[in-house]
Each structure stands twice: as C-alpha cells, then as structure tokens.
Amino acid sequence: MHFRRGVLADKSGLNSQTLLDVLDLAAIANPMFKMKGPTMLQSNYTPAFPLKHQQKDMRLALALGDENAVSMPVAAAANEAFKKARNLGLGGLDFSAVHQTVERGEL
C-alpha cells in the first residue's frame, strides 16, 4: 500500500523525499521505511535480503496458513506481487525491488 502512495505522490508531482519524511512522522512510521525508502528513491536494490528469498518465505507462511485454515489475504496479495517481480527478473535484487512492479504498472 505504501508503495502505491509513493507512486501516487510521484504522479501527483509531490516530492518523494517529502512523502518519506511525512511517513516517518506519522503513526505508521516504521524502521523499514527509514531504511529502505532512501535506497528505493535512488533505485538502489543492492541485495540485503534477496527478493526471491522473501517470496519463498511468503509462500511458506501462506502454506502454514492453509494448513491451519487461517485466511491471509494481504499476505497472498503481497506474495503475488513478489512472484510478479521474480517473473520480471528481479529475484536476485533486494526485496524492496518489488516496488519496480508498482512503478511499471505491473500490479
């Protein structure tokens, strides 16, 4: 969802760094925005944790949910985004490269 906010900000002419600053001050602030936001603005996806491993972990979490009859619709949607990113050849990049699928309008 926050990736979409970034794309909306860009398309609306808002400064992406300003959006990151606002998110950092908001109730939804979290360390991941602070850590990944600046590198994403620079399209720097040097892997700290590869996207392909993140997608594998999402798949395993969904399988566990299925085994225990726990509905995980948000995780399922996120997994689809990570699968799309892998299909675009982004699997070896940092997991934050999933943002590229949103920027390209692939989701």
Foldseek 3Di string as FASTA:
>chain_A
DVLVVLLVCVVVVHDSVVVLVVCCVDPNHDVVSVVCVVCVVVVNFAAPPFLLVVLVVLVVVVVVCVVVVHDDVVSVVVSVLSVVCVVVVRRRTYNVCSSVCVNVVVD
